[in-house]
Amino acid sequence: MSSLKPFLAPLDMGDNSKRDLRTQFGALCYRVVGGKTQILLITSRTRKRWILPKGWPMDGESPTHAAETEAWEEAGAKGKIKPVCIGIYGYRKQFDGEEMPCMVAIFPLKVKSLASDFPERDERRRKWFSLAKAAKKVDEPELRHLISRFDPSTL
């Protein structure tokens, strides 16, 4: 259990500059239907690209709790999150007219239910995709690779 402590421990958020590399935590929301794995993608707020639910660290919360919270707020997904980082990908976030380099640590969340009423329901679309289709829908090469190789039986 000691190898899981970094993902379960509360974070202490220090001061960061906008130009510093920023960390986010995301959830790879999945389900298995008829022996086939499906991935839940959501649209981004502004550009309507297909993405995973993700967000900023939360002071006093663990990375897995932050990922689980983002899955609920952005996708209405509830389920069981595994405290195992299955991959990391990078992207450049547009923020206040500047580009901010971000790194996203991804945690798998097995979806048990989807709510019709959730915080960002009016700002995003959500849709289930096969692994291959989900990988093609996202823009970031590292995230494509992570999704296409995802196998929940190894968790």
Protein backbone atom coordinates (compact mmCIF):
# COMPACT_ATOMS: atom_id res chain seq x y z
CA MET A 1 0.00 0.00 0.00
CA SER A 2 2.99 2.34 0.44
CA SER A 3 3.34 2.76 -3.35
CA LEU A 4 -0.17 4.29 -3.41
CA LYS A 5 0.51 6.98 -0.80
CA PRO A 6 1.51 9.74 -3.28
CA PHE A 7 -1.89 9.46 -5.00
CA LEU A 8 -3.91 9.25 -1.79
CA ALA A 9 -2.17 11.95 0.25
CA PRO A 10 -3.54 15.52 0.42
CA LEU A 11 -1.62 18.10 -1.62
CA ASP A 12 -0.09 21.31 -0.32
CA MET A 13 -0.39 23.87 -3.12
CA GLY A 14 2.52 26.29 -3.32
CA ASP A 15 2.76 29.51 -5.31
CA ASN A 16 3.26 29.05 -9.05
CA SER A 17 3.84 31.40 -11.94
CA LYS A 18 1.59 31.12 -15.02
CA ARG A 19 4.67 30.21 -17.05
CA ASP A 20 5.61 27.27 -14.81
CA LEU A 21 4.73 23.75 -15.91
CA ARG A 22 1.37 23.03 -14.29
CA THR A 23 -0.01 19.68 -13.22
CA GLN A 24 -3.58 18.56 -13.69
CA PHE A 25 -5.32 15.33 -12.75
CA GLY A 26 -7.71 13.53 -15.07
CA ALA A 27 -9.98 10.52 -15.14
CA LEU A 28 -10.06 7.92 -17.87
CA CYS A 29 -13.74 7.02 -17.45
CA TYR A 30 -14.45 3.56 -18.81
CA ARG A 31 -16.93 0.70 -18.86
CA VAL A 32 -16.89 -2.80 -20.31
CA VAL A 33 -19.91 -3.80 -22.41
CA GLY A 34 -20.07 -7.24 -24.02
CA GLY A 35 -16.38 -7.75 -23.30
CA LYS A 36 -15.42 -4.51 -25.11
CA THR A 37 -13.95 -1.51 -23.32
CA GLN A 38 -15.55 1.87 -23.94
CA ILE A 39 -14.17 5.29 -23.02
CA LEU A 40 -16.30 8.29 -22.02
CA LEU A 41 -15.10 11.51 -23.66
CA ILE A 42 -16.43 15.00 -23.08
CA THR A 43 -16.13 18.19 -25.11
CA SER A 44 -13.99 21.09 -23.98
CA ARG A 45 -15.90 24.24 -23.05
CA THR A 46 -14.61 26.63 -25.68
CA ARG A 47 -13.24 24.74 -28.68
CA LYS A 48 -15.55 21.69 -28.30
CA ARG A 49 -12.67 19.24 -28.78
CA TRP A 50 -13.04 15.71 -27.38
CA ILE A 51 -11.09 15.40 -24.11
CA LEU A 52 -10.99 13.52 -20.80
CA PRO A 53 -12.37 15.11 -17.62
CA LYS A 54 -9.43 16.86 -15.94
CA GLY A 55 -8.65 19.78 -13.71
CA TRP A 56 -6.34 21.52 -11.33
CA PRO A 57 -5.05 20.06 -8.06
CA MET A 58 -7.19 20.87 -5.06
CA ASP A 59 -5.50 22.09 -1.91
CA GLY A 60 -5.80 19.44 0.80
CA GLU A 61 -7.14 16.78 -1.61
CA SER A 62 -5.37 13.79 -3.16
CA PRO A 63 -4.72 13.52 -6.91
CA THR A 64 -7.23 10.66 -7.17
CA HIS A 65 -9.90 12.68 -5.37
CA ALA A 66 -9.28 15.61 -7.74
CA ALA A 67 -9.65 13.31 -10.79
CA GLU A 68 -12.81 11.78 -9.34
CA THR A 69 -14.26 15.25 -8.67
CA GLU A 70 -13.54 16.35 -12.26
CA ALA A 71 -15.26 13.21 -13.63
CA TRP A 72 -18.37 14.14 -11.64
CA GLU A 73 -18.37 17.88 -12.37
CA GLU A 74 -17.53 17.68 -16.09
CA ALA A 75 -19.13 14.35 -17.13
CA GLY A 76 -21.60 13.41 -14.39
CA ALA A 77 -19.70 10.14 -13.99
CA LYS A 78 -19.65 8.25 -10.69
CA GLY A 79 -17.70 5.08 -10.07
CA LYS A 80 -14.61 3.49 -8.60
CA ILE A 81 -11.28 5.22 -9.20
CA LYS A 82 -8.01 3.29 -8.98
CA PRO A 83 -5.11 5.03 -7.21
CA VAL A 84 -2.75 4.09 -10.03
CA CYS A 85 -1.50 6.68 -12.51
CA ILE A 86 -1.80 4.91 -15.89
CA GLY A 87 -0.04 7.61 -17.86
CA ILE A 88 0.86 11.24 -18.32
CA TYR A 89 0.39 13.53 -21.29
CA GLY A 90 1.22 17.14 -22.01
CA TYR A 91 -0.62 19.97 -23.72
CA ARG A 92 -0.63 23.77 -23.87
CA LYS A 93 -3.63 25.44 -22.23
CA GLN A 94 -4.84 28.84 -23.39
CA PHE A 95 -5.37 30.96 -20.28
CA ASP A 96 -5.84 34.74 -20.10
CA GLY A 97 -4.38 35.14 -23.59
CA GLU A 98 -1.26 33.14 -22.75
CA GLU A 99 -0.21 29.56 -23.34
CA MET A 100 0.47 27.58 -20.19
CA PRO A 101 2.33 24.24 -20.37
CA CYS A 102 0.37 21.52 -18.58
CA MET A 103 1.03 17.91 -17.66
CA VAL A 104 -1.96 15.66 -16.90
CA ALA A 105 -1.70 12.53 -14.73
CA ILE A 106 -4.49 10.08 -15.61
CA PHE A 107 -6.29 7.73 -13.22
CA PRO A 108 -8.77 5.05 -14.39
CA LEU A 109 -12.35 5.39 -13.17
CA LYS A 110 -14.73 2.48 -13.76
CA VAL A 111 -18.08 4.18 -14.32
CA LYS A 112 -20.99 2.75 -12.35
CA SER A 113 -23.52 5.49 -13.23
CA LEU A 114 -23.99 8.64 -15.30
CA ALA A 115 -26.13 11.44 -13.89
CA SER A 116 -28.38 13.53 -16.10
CA ASP A 117 -28.01 16.45 -13.68
CA PHE A 118 -24.38 17.44 -12.98
CA PRO A 119 -22.52 20.77 -12.61
CA GLU A 120 -21.28 21.26 -16.22
CA ARG A 121 -24.15 19.55 -18.10
CA ASP A 122 -24.99 22.74 -20.05
CA GLU A 123 -21.38 23.40 -21.09
CA ARG A 124 -20.26 20.02 -22.45
CA ARG A 125 -21.32 16.98 -24.45
CA ARG A 126 -20.36 13.46 -23.43
CA LYS A 127 -20.26 10.27 -25.46
CA TRP A 128 -19.02 6.68 -25.15
CA PHE A 129 -16.48 5.51 -27.76
CA SER A 130 -14.60 2.29 -28.44
CA LEU A 131 -10.90 2.43 -27.55
CA ALA A 132 -9.90 2.92 -31.20
CA LYS A 133 -12.47 5.66 -31.87
CA ALA A 134 -11.72 7.47 -28.60
CA ALA A 135 -8.01 7.48 -29.43
CA LYS A 136 -8.74 9.02 -32.85
CA LYS A 137 -10.99 11.72 -31.35
CA VAL A 138 -8.40 13.27 -28.99
CA ASP A 139 -5.73 15.68 -30.25
CA GLU A 140 -2.77 14.90 -28.00
CA PRO A 141 -0.49 12.10 -29.31
CA GLU A 142 0.45 10.83 -25.83
CA LEU A 143 -3.22 10.65 -24.84
CA ARG A 144 -4.04 8.80 -28.07
CA HIS A 145 -1.38 6.24 -27.21
CA LEU A 146 -2.59 5.90 -23.61
CA ILE A 147 -6.23 5.33 -24.68
CA SER A 148 -5.42 2.91 -27.50
CA ARG A 149 -3.34 0.73 -25.16
CA PHE A 150 -5.69 0.87 -22.16
CA ASP A 151 -6.60 -2.56 -20.77
CA PRO A 152 -8.73 -2.58 -17.60
CA SER A 153 -7.91 -6.23 -16.95
CA THR A 154 -4.37 -5.17 -15.95
CA LEU A 155 -5.58 -2.89 -13.14
